[in-house]
Amino acid sequence: MRAMLSAGFLRPQSTTMSRPLLPLKAGAIIFTVLWTAWMMWWSGSFSSVSLVILAMCGAAVGYVWYRAMRWQFERMGMLPRSDDGSAR
């Protein structure tokens, strides 16, 4: 059993891109929550339809923000490029 652990058989699989992206993903989630809360407060309407629409828009805005920041960080060299073959 100890040999299997040391050989890495029971370690969780992770890609080379997962760890550098963790802070970016957390930032995108925080941005999404704050943006959605701000839009709910700004609209002043707390009906269920309004909440659902703003939550869906918040998810879309958060995803676009994540993709834009990931592209910018890759361009600046702060993240490895996804097309260079090292992430395979």
PDB file of N, CA and C in Angstrom:
ATOM      1  N   MET A   1       0.823  -1.185   0.000  1.00  0.00           N
ATOM      2  CA  MET A   1       0.000   0.000   0.000  1.00  0.00           C
ATOM      3  C   MET A   1       0.869   1.252   0.000  1.00  0.00           C
ATOM      4  N   ARG A   2       1.918   1.234   0.796  1.00  0.00           N
ATOM      5  CA  ARG A   2       2.792   2.397   0.885  1.00  0.00           C
ATOM      6  C   ARG A   2       3.475   2.673  -0.457  1.00  0.00           C
ATOM      7  N   ALA A   3       3.823   1.595  -1.183  1.00  0.00           N
ATOM      8  CA  ALA A   3       4.451   1.753  -2.492  1.00  0.00           C
ATOM      9  C   ALA A   3       3.483   2.407  -3.478  1.00  0.00           C
ATOM     10  N   MET A   4       2.206   2.054  -3.371  1.00  0.00           N
ATOM     11  CA  MET A   4       1.217   2.664  -4.266  1.00  0.00           C
ATOM     12  C   MET A   4       1.073   4.153  -3.983  1.00  0.00           C
ATOM     13  N   LEU A   5       1.098   4.529  -2.707  1.00  0.00           N
ATOM     14  CA  LEU A   5       0.988   5.947  -2.362  1.00  0.00           C
ATOM     15  C   LEU A   5       2.194   6.720  -2.855  1.00  0.00           C
ATOM     16  N   SER A   6       3.386   6.151  -2.674  1.00  0.00           N
ATOM     17  CA  SER A   6       4.584   6.862  -3.092  1.00  0.00           C
ATOM     18  C   SER A   6       4.702   6.943  -4.608  1.00  0.00           C
ATOM     19  N   ALA A   7       4.107   5.989  -5.304  1.00  0.00           N
ATOM     20  CA  ALA A   7       4.166   6.004  -6.761  1.00  0.00           C
ATOM     21  C   ALA A   7       3.137   6.954  -7.360  1.00  0.00           C
ATOM     22  N   GLY A   8       2.219   7.457  -6.548  1.00  0.00           N
ATOM     23  CA  GLY A   8       1.255   8.418  -7.038  1.00  0.00           C
ATOM     24  C   GLY A   8      -0.031   7.814  -7.562  1.00  0.00           C
ATOM     25  N   PHE A   9      -0.281   6.539  -7.268  1.00  0.00           N
ATOM     26  CA  PHE A   9      -1.483   5.885  -7.782  1.00  0.00           C
ATOM     27  C   PHE A   9      -2.753   6.425  -7.131  1.00  0.00           C
ATOM     28  N   LEU A  10      -2.683   6.799  -5.881  1.00  0.00           N
ATOM     29  CA  LEU A  10      -3.879   7.247  -5.174  1.00  0.00           C
ATOM     30  C   LEU A  10      -3.957   8.764  -5.046  1.00  0.00           C
ATOM     31  N   ARG A  11      -3.067   9.465  -5.647  1.00  0.00           N
ATOM     32  CA  ARG A  11      -3.127  10.923  -5.614  1.00  0.00           C
ATOM     33  C   ARG A  11      -4.169  11.408  -6.614  1.00  0.00           C
ATOM     34  N   PRO A  12      -4.858  12.501  -6.281  1.00  0.00           N
ATOM     35  CA  PRO A  12      -5.848  13.005  -7.247  1.00  0.00           C
ATOM     36  C   PRO A  12      -5.164  13.522  -8.502  1.00  0.00           C
ATOM     37  N   GLN A  13      -5.792  13.257  -9.631  1.00  0.00           N
ATOM     38  CA  GLN A  13      -5.241  13.719 -10.905  1.00  0.00           C
ATOM     39  C   GLN A  13      -5.434  15.231 -11.016  1.00  0.00           C
ATOM     40  N   SER A  14      -4.411  15.917 -11.451  1.00  0.00           N
ATOM     41  CA  SER A  14      -4.528  17.347 -11.668  1.00  0.00           C
ATOM     42  C   SER A  14      -3.723  17.711 -12.904  1.00  0.00           C
ATOM     43  N   THR A  15      -4.260  18.620 -13.678  1.00  0.00           N
ATOM     44  CA  THR A  15      -3.546  19.081 -14.854  1.00  0.00           C
ATOM     45  C   THR A  15      -2.604  20.201 -14.454  1.00  0.00           C
ATOM     46  N   THR A  16      -1.719  20.555 -15.347  1.00  0.00           N
ATOM     47  CA  THR A  16      -0.767  21.614 -15.037  1.00  0.00           C
ATOM     48  C   THR A  16      -1.439  22.979 -14.969  1.00  0.00           C
ATOM     49  N   MET A  17      -2.624  23.108 -15.544  1.00  0.00           N
ATOM     50  CA  MET A  17      -3.303  24.398 -15.554  1.00  0.00           C
ATOM     51  C   MET A  17      -4.215  24.608 -14.346  1.00  0.00           C
ATOM     52  N   SER A  18      -4.516  23.587 -13.565  1.00  0.00           N
ATOM     53  CA  SER A  18      -5.529  23.716 -12.529  1.00  0.00           C
ATOM     54  C   SER A  18      -5.077  24.600 -11.371  1.00  0.00           C
ATOM     55  N   ARG A  19      -3.868  24.455 -10.927  1.00  0.00           N
ATOM     56  CA  ARG A  19      -3.440  25.234  -9.763  1.00  0.00           C
ATOM     57  C   ARG A  19      -3.234  26.713 -10.061  1.00  0.00           C
ATOM     58  N   PRO A  20      -2.630  27.108 -11.171  1.00  0.00           N
ATOM     59  CA  PRO A  20      -2.497  28.537 -11.429  1.00  0.00           C
ATOM     60  C   PRO A  20      -3.841  29.228 -11.648  1.00  0.00           C
ATOM     61  N   LEU A  21      -4.856  28.481 -12.031  1.00  0.00           N
ATOM     62  CA  LEU A  21      -6.156  29.074 -12.313  1.00  0.00           C
ATOM     63  C   LEU A  21      -7.059  29.162 -11.094  1.00  0.00           C
ATOM     64  N   LEU A  22      -6.691  28.537  -9.981  1.00  0.00           N
ATOM     65  CA  LEU A  22      -7.539  28.574  -8.799  1.00  0.00           C
ATOM     66  C   LEU A  22      -7.826  29.994  -8.313  1.00  0.00           C
ATOM     67  N   PRO A  23      -6.832  30.876  -8.140  1.00  0.00           N
ATOM     68  CA  PRO A  23      -7.146  32.247  -7.721  1.00  0.00           C
ATOM     69  C   PRO A  23      -8.003  32.995  -8.744  1.00  0.00           C
ATOM     70  N   LEU A  24      -7.782  32.714 -10.015  1.00  0.00           N
ATOM     71  CA  LEU A  24      -8.576  33.369 -11.056  1.00  0.00           C
ATOM     72  C   LEU A  24     -10.027  32.906 -10.991  1.00  0.00           C
ATOM     73  N   LYS A  25     -10.243  31.626 -10.770  1.00  0.00           N
ATOM     74  CA  LYS A  25     -11.606  31.102 -10.644  1.00  0.00           C
ATOM     75  C   LYS A  25     -12.288  31.656  -9.404  1.00  0.00           C
ATOM     76  N   ALA A  26     -11.567  31.727  -8.297  1.00  0.00           N
ATOM     77  CA  ALA A  26     -12.138  32.296  -7.072  1.00  0.00           C
ATOM     78  C   ALA A  26     -12.487  33.765  -7.273  1.00  0.00           C
ATOM     79  N   GLY A  27     -11.623  34.490  -7.956  1.00  0.00           N
ATOM     80  CA  GLY A  27     -11.908  35.892  -8.256  1.00  0.00           C
ATOM     81  C   GLY A  27     -13.123  36.053  -9.140  1.00  0.00           C
ATOM     82  N   ALA A  28     -13.297  35.153 -10.092  1.00  0.00           N
ATOM     83  CA  ALA A  28     -14.465  35.212 -10.967  1.00  0.00           C
ATOM     84  C   ALA A  28     -15.745  34.945 -10.188  1.00  0.00           C
ATOM     85  N   ILE A  29     -15.697  34.018  -9.245  1.00  0.00           N
ATOM     86  CA  ILE A  29     -16.875  33.734  -8.428  1.00  0.00           C
ATOM     87  C   ILE A  29     -17.221  34.928  -7.544  1.00  0.00           C
ATOM     88  N   ILE A  30     -16.214  35.517  -6.933  1.00  0.00           N
ATOM     89  CA  ILE A  30     -16.446  36.697  -6.092  1.00  0.00           C
ATOM     90  C   ILE A  30     -16.985  37.845  -6.933  1.00  0.00           C
ATOM     91  N   PHE A  31     -16.405  38.069  -8.111  1.00  0.00           N
ATOM     92  CA  PHE A  31     -16.887  39.111  -9.006  1.00  0.00           C
ATOM     93  C   PHE A  31     -18.346  38.876  -9.385  1.00  0.00           C
ATOM     94  N   THR A  32     -18.696  37.623  -9.687  1.00  0.00           N
ATOM     95  CA  THR A  32     -20.063  37.281 -10.067  1.00  0.00           C
ATOM     96  C   THR A  32     -21.039  37.576  -8.936  1.00  0.00           C
ATOM     97  N   VAL A  33     -20.692  37.166  -7.730  1.00  0.00           N
ATOM     98  CA  VAL A  33     -21.576  37.394  -6.584  1.00  0.00           C
ATOM     99  C   VAL A  33     -21.743  38.887  -6.317  1.00  0.00           C
ATOM    100  N   LEU A  34     -20.642  39.633  -6.338  1.00  0.00           N
ATOM    101  CA  LEU A  34     -20.729  41.069  -6.079  1.00  0.00           C
ATOM    102  C   LEU A  34     -21.496  41.798  -7.175  1.00  0.00           C
ATOM    103  N   TRP A  35     -21.266  41.441  -8.427  1.00  0.00           N
ATOM    104  CA  TRP A  35     -21.972  42.085  -9.531  1.00  0.00           C
ATOM    105  C   TRP A  35     -23.467  41.813  -9.449  1.00  0.00           C
ATOM    106  N   THR A  36     -23.825  40.562  -9.166  1.00  0.00           N
ATOM    107  CA  THR A  36     -25.236  40.197  -9.069  1.00  0.00           C
ATOM    108  C   THR A  36     -25.902  40.912  -7.897  1.00  0.00           C
ATOM    109  N   ALA A  37     -25.245  40.954  -6.750  1.00  0.00           N
ATOM    110  CA  ALA A  37     -25.798  41.654  -5.587  1.00  0.00           C
ATOM    111  C   ALA A  37     -25.967  43.143  -5.875  1.00  0.00           C
ATOM    112  N   TRP A  38     -24.975  43.738  -6.529  1.00  0.00           N
ATOM    113  CA  TRP A  38     -25.065  45.157  -6.866  1.00  0.00           C
ATOM    114  C   TRP A  38     -26.229  45.421  -7.813  1.00  0.00           C
ATOM    115  N   MET A  39     -26.414  44.589  -8.811  1.00  0.00           N
ATOM    116  CA  MET A  39     -27.514  44.775  -9.765  1.00  0.00           C
ATOM    117  C   MET A  39     -28.876  44.582  -9.096  1.00  0.00           C
ATOM    118  N   MET A  40     -28.960  43.642  -8.158  1.00  0.00           N
ATOM    119  CA  MET A  40     -30.222  43.458  -7.428  1.00  0.00           C
ATOM    120  C   MET A  40     -30.531  44.686  -6.583  1.00  0.00           C
ATOM    121  N   TRP A  41     -29.522  45.204  -5.901  1.00  0.00           N
ATOM    122  CA  TRP A  41     -29.720  46.392  -5.078  1.00  0.00           C
ATOM    123  C   TRP A  41     -30.055  47.600  -5.946  1.00  0.00           C
ATOM    124  N   TRP A  42     -29.373  47.747  -7.056  1.00  0.00           N
ATOM    125  CA  TRP A  42     -29.566  48.901  -7.932  1.00  0.00           C
ATOM    126  C   TRP A  42     -30.943  48.886  -8.585  1.00  0.00           C
ATOM    127  N   SER A  43     -31.432  47.698  -8.968  1.00  0.00           N
ATOM    128  CA  SER A  43     -32.740  47.626  -9.629  1.00  0.00           C
ATOM    129  C   SER A  43     -33.874  47.890  -8.650  1.00  0.00           C
ATOM    130  N   GLY A  44     -33.718  47.503  -7.396  1.00  0.00           N
ATOM    131  CA  GLY A  44     -34.739  47.749  -6.393  1.00  0.00           C
ATOM    132  C   GLY A  44     -35.903  46.775  -6.450  1.00  0.00           C
ATOM    133  N   SER A  45     -35.934  45.916  -7.441  1.00  0.00           N
ATOM    134  CA  SER A  45     -37.007  44.940  -7.574  1.00  0.00           C
ATOM    135  C   SER A  45     -36.506  43.580  -7.111  1.00  0.00           C
ATOM    136  N   PHE A  46     -37.211  43.000  -6.148  1.00  0.00           N
ATOM    137  CA  PHE A  46     -36.796  41.712  -5.609  1.00  0.00           C
ATOM    138  C   PHE A  46     -37.812  40.622  -5.916  1.00  0.00           C
ATOM    139  N   SER A  47     -38.480  40.728  -7.059  1.00  0.00           N
ATOM    140  CA  SER A  47     -39.407  39.668  -7.465  1.00  0.00           C
ATOM    141  C   SER A  47     -38.604  38.439  -7.888  1.00  0.00           C
ATOM    142  N   SER A  48     -39.270  37.294  -7.881  1.00  0.00           N
ATOM    143  CA  SER A  48     -38.556  36.056  -8.208  1.00  0.00           C
ATOM    144  C   SER A  48     -38.060  36.046  -9.654  1.00  0.00           C
ATOM    145  N   VAL A  49     -38.835  36.619 -10.565  1.00  0.00           N
ATOM    146  CA  VAL A  49     -38.412  36.682 -11.970  1.00  0.00           C
ATOM    147  C   VAL A  49     -37.173  37.558 -12.107  1.00  0.00           C
ATOM    148  N   SER A  50     -37.172  38.675 -11.441  1.00  0.00           N
ATOM    149  CA  SER A  50     -36.020  39.580 -11.487  1.00  0.00           C
ATOM    150  C   SER A  50     -34.776  38.915 -10.908  1.00  0.00           C
ATOM    151  N   LEU A  51     -34.946  38.189  -9.817  1.00  0.00           N
ATOM    152  CA  LEU A  51     -33.802  37.516  -9.206  1.00  0.00           C
ATOM    153  C   LEU A  51     -33.222  36.445 -10.125  1.00  0.00           C
ATOM    154  N   VAL A  52     -34.093  35.691 -10.796  1.00  0.00           N
ATOM    155  CA  VAL A  52     -33.624  34.640 -11.708  1.00  0.00           C
ATOM    156  C   VAL A  52     -32.896  35.256 -12.896  1.00  0.00           C
ATOM    157  N   ILE A  53     -33.464  36.289 -13.474  1.00  0.00           N
ATOM    158  CA  ILE A  53     -32.837  36.944 -14.627  1.00  0.00           C
ATOM    159  C   ILE A  53     -31.492  37.540 -14.243  1.00  0.00           C
ATOM    160  N   LEU A  54     -31.429  38.226 -13.106  1.00  0.00           N
ATOM    161  CA  LEU A  54     -30.165  38.817 -12.680  1.00  0.00           C
ATOM    162  C   LEU A  54     -29.132  37.753 -12.313  1.00  0.00           C
ATOM    163  N   ALA A  55     -29.567  36.635 -11.768  1.00  0.00           N
ATOM    164  CA  ALA A  55     -28.626  35.555 -11.456  1.00  0.00           C
ATOM    165  C   ALA A  55     -28.046  34.961 -12.736  1.00  0.00           C
ATOM    166  N   MET A  56     -28.884  34.779 -13.753  1.00  0.00           N
ATOM    167  CA  MET A  56     -28.385  34.253 -15.032  1.00  0.00           C
ATOM    168  C   MET A  56     -27.451  35.263 -15.702  1.00  0.00           C
ATOM    169  N   CYS A  57     -27.807  36.527 -15.662  1.00  0.00           N
ATOM    170  CA  CYS A  57     -26.925  37.557 -16.228  1.00  0.00           C
ATOM    171  C   CYS A  57     -25.616  37.637 -15.441  1.00  0.00           C
ATOM    172  N   GLY A  58     -25.687  37.500 -14.127  1.00  0.00           N
ATOM    173  CA  GLY A  58     -24.482  37.507 -13.305  1.00  0.00           C
ATOM    174  C   GLY A  58     -23.555  36.358 -13.642  1.00  0.00           C
ATOM    175  N   ALA A  59     -24.133  35.182 -13.882  1.00  0.00           N
ATOM    176  CA  ALA A  59     -23.309  34.026 -14.268  1.00  0.00           C
ATOM    177  C   ALA A  59     -22.636  34.272 -15.616  1.00  0.00           C
ATOM    178  N   ALA A  60     -23.372  34.866 -16.550  1.00  0.00           N
ATOM    179  CA  ALA A  60     -22.792  35.166 -17.867  1.00  0.00           C
ATOM    180  C   ALA A  60     -21.686  36.209 -17.751  1.00  0.00           C
ATOM    181  N   VAL A  61     -21.921  37.246 -16.965  1.00  0.00           N
ATOM    182  CA  VAL A  61     -20.909  38.294 -16.781  1.00  0.00           C
ATOM    183  C   VAL A  61     -19.672  37.729 -16.093  1.00  0.00           C
ATOM    184  N   GLY A  62     -19.861  36.874 -15.098  1.00  0.00           N
ATOM    185  CA  GLY A  62     -18.732  36.251 -14.411  1.00  0.00           C
ATOM    186  C   GLY A  62     -17.910  35.381 -15.335  1.00  0.00           C
ATOM    187  N   TYR A  63     -18.584  34.626 -16.213  1.00  0.00           N
ATOM    188  CA  TYR A  63     -17.872  33.773 -17.156  1.00  0.00           C
ATOM    189  C   TYR A  63     -17.083  34.610 -18.166  1.00  0.00           C
ATOM    190  N   VAL A  64     -17.697  35.658 -18.675  1.00  0.00           N
ATOM    191  CA  VAL A  64     -16.995  36.542 -19.622  1.00  0.00           C
ATOM    192  C   VAL A  64     -15.805  37.201 -18.937  1.00  0.00           C
ATOM    193  N   TRP A  65     -15.970  37.627 -17.688  1.00  0.00           N
ATOM    194  CA  TRP A  65     -14.867  38.245 -16.951  1.00  0.00           C
ATOM    195  C   TRP A  65     -13.729  37.236 -16.770  1.00  0.00           C
ATOM    196  N   TYR A  66     -14.063  35.985 -16.420  1.00  0.00           N
ATOM    197  CA  TYR A  66     -13.051  34.945 -16.249  1.00  0.00           C
ATOM    198  C   TYR A  66     -12.277  34.710 -17.548  1.00  0.00           C
ATOM    199  N   ARG A  67     -12.993  34.555 -18.665  1.00  0.00           N
ATOM    200  CA  ARG A  67     -12.325  34.313 -19.947  1.00  0.00           C
ATOM    201  C   ARG A  67     -11.440  35.499 -20.342  1.00  0.00           C
ATOM    202  N   ALA A  68     -11.927  36.722 -20.119  1.00  0.00           N
ATOM    203  CA  ALA A  68     -11.136  37.906 -20.466  1.00  0.00           C
ATOM    204  C   ALA A  68      -9.874  38.004 -19.608  1.00  0.00           C
ATOM    205  N   MET A  69      -9.986  37.743 -18.308  1.00  0.00           N
ATOM    206  CA  MET A  69      -8.819  37.814 -17.429  1.00  0.00           C
ATOM    207  C   MET A  69      -7.837  36.683 -17.737  1.00  0.00           C
ATOM    208  N   ARG A  70      -8.361  35.492 -18.048  1.00  0.00           N
ATOM    209  CA  ARG A  70      -7.470  34.386 -18.399  1.00  0.00           C
ATOM    210  C   ARG A  70      -6.706  34.709 -19.677  1.00  0.00           C
ATOM    211  N   TRP A  71      -7.385  35.253 -20.679  1.00  0.00           N
ATOM    212  CA  TRP A  71      -6.723  35.623 -21.926  1.00  0.00           C
ATOM    213  C   TRP A  71      -5.649  36.681 -21.657  1.00  0.00           C
ATOM    214  N   GLN A  72      -5.989  37.682 -20.842  1.00  0.00           N
ATOM    215  CA  GLN A  72      -5.034  38.746 -20.559  1.00  0.00           C
ATOM    216  C   GLN A  72      -3.822  38.219 -19.790  1.00  0.00           C
ATOM    217  N   PHE A  73      -4.043  37.361 -18.798  1.00  0.00           N
ATOM    218  CA  PHE A  73      -2.926  36.818 -18.024  1.00  0.00           C
ATOM    219  C   PHE A  73      -2.045  35.909 -18.870  1.00  0.00           C
ATOM    220  N   GLU A  74      -2.649  35.138 -19.774  1.00  0.00           N
ATOM    221  CA  GLU A  74      -1.847  34.324 -20.688  1.00  0.00           C
ATOM    222  C   GLU A  74      -1.025  35.218 -21.602  1.00  0.00           C
ATOM    223  N   ARG A  75      -1.627  36.291 -22.072  1.00  0.00           N
ATOM    224  CA  ARG A  75      -0.940  37.227 -22.973  1.00  0.00           C
ATOM    225  C   ARG A  75       0.233  37.910 -22.279  1.00  0.00           C
ATOM    226  N   MET A  76       0.058  38.207 -20.982  1.00  0.00           N
ATOM    227  CA  MET A  76       1.122  38.867 -20.225  1.00  0.00           C
ATOM    228  C   MET A  76       2.188  37.882 -19.749  1.00  0.00           C
ATOM    229  N   GLY A  77       1.951  36.574 -19.920  1.00  0.00           N
ATOM    230  CA  GLY A  77       2.918  35.571 -19.500  1.00  0.00           C
ATOM    231  C   GLY A  77       2.780  35.151 -18.050  1.00  0.00           C
ATOM    232  N   MET A  78       1.700  35.537 -17.389  1.00  0.00           N
ATOM    233  CA  MET A  78       1.494  35.169 -15.992  1.00  0.00           C
ATOM    234  C   MET A  78       0.902  33.762 -15.852  1.00  0.00           C
ATOM    235  N   LEU A  79       0.363  33.220 -16.940  1.00  0.00           N
ATOM    236  CA  LEU A  79      -0.164  31.857 -16.985  1.00  0.00           C
ATOM    237  C   LEU A  79       0.438  31.162 -18.197  1.00  0.00           C
ATOM    238  N   PRO A  80       0.614  29.843 -18.119  1.00  0.00           N
ATOM    239  CA  PRO A  80       1.078  29.130 -19.315  1.00  0.00           C
ATOM    240  C   PRO A  80       0.002  29.159 -20.387  1.00  0.00           C
ATOM    241  N   ARG A  81       0.407  29.286 -21.617  1.00  0.00           N
ATOM    242  CA  ARG A  81      -0.547  29.300 -22.734  1.00  0.00           C
ATOM    243  C   ARG A  81      -1.178  27.930 -22.898  1.00  0.00           C
ATOM    244  N   SER A  82      -2.451  27.924 -23.216  1.00  0.00           N
ATOM    245  CA  SER A  82      -3.162  26.655 -23.346  1.00  0.00           C
ATOM    246  C   SER A  82      -2.854  25.949 -24.662  1.00  0.00           C
ATOM    247  N   ASP A  83      -2.236  26.623 -25.627  1.00  0.00           N
ATOM    248  CA  ASP A  83      -1.975  26.016 -26.941  1.00  0.00           C
ATOM    249  C   ASP A  83      -0.512  25.638 -27.150  1.00  0.00           C
ATOM    250  N   ASP A  84       0.325  25.703 -26.107  1.00  0.00           N
ATOM    251  CA  ASP A  84       1.752  25.425 -26.301  1.00  0.00           C
ATOM    252  C   ASP A  84       2.109  23.949 -26.157  1.00  0.00           C
ATOM    253  N   GLY A  85       1.124  23.089 -25.850  1.00  0.00           N
ATOM    254  CA  GLY A  85       1.396  21.665 -25.775  1.00  0.00           C
ATOM    255  C   GLY A  85       1.874  21.180 -24.426  1.00  0.00           C
ATOM    256  N   SER A  86       2.256  22.066 -23.511  1.00  0.00           N
ATOM    257  CA  SER A  86       2.737  21.630 -22.212  1.00  0.00           C
ATOM    258  C   SER A  86       1.600  21.216 -21.287  1.00  0.00           C
ATOM    259  N   ALA A  87       0.375  21.595 -21.598  1.00  0.00           N
ATOM    260  CA  ALA A  87      -0.768  21.254 -20.750  1.00  0.00           C
ATOM    261  C   ALA A  87      -1.340  19.880 -21.097  1.00  0.00           C
ATOM    262  N   ARG A  88      -0.786  19.187 -22.073  1.00  0.00           N
ATOM    263  CA  ARG A  88      -1.300  17.866 -22.467  1.00  0.00           C
ATOM    264  C   ARG A  88      -0.801  16.776 -21.571  1.00  0.00           C
TER     265      ARG A  88
END
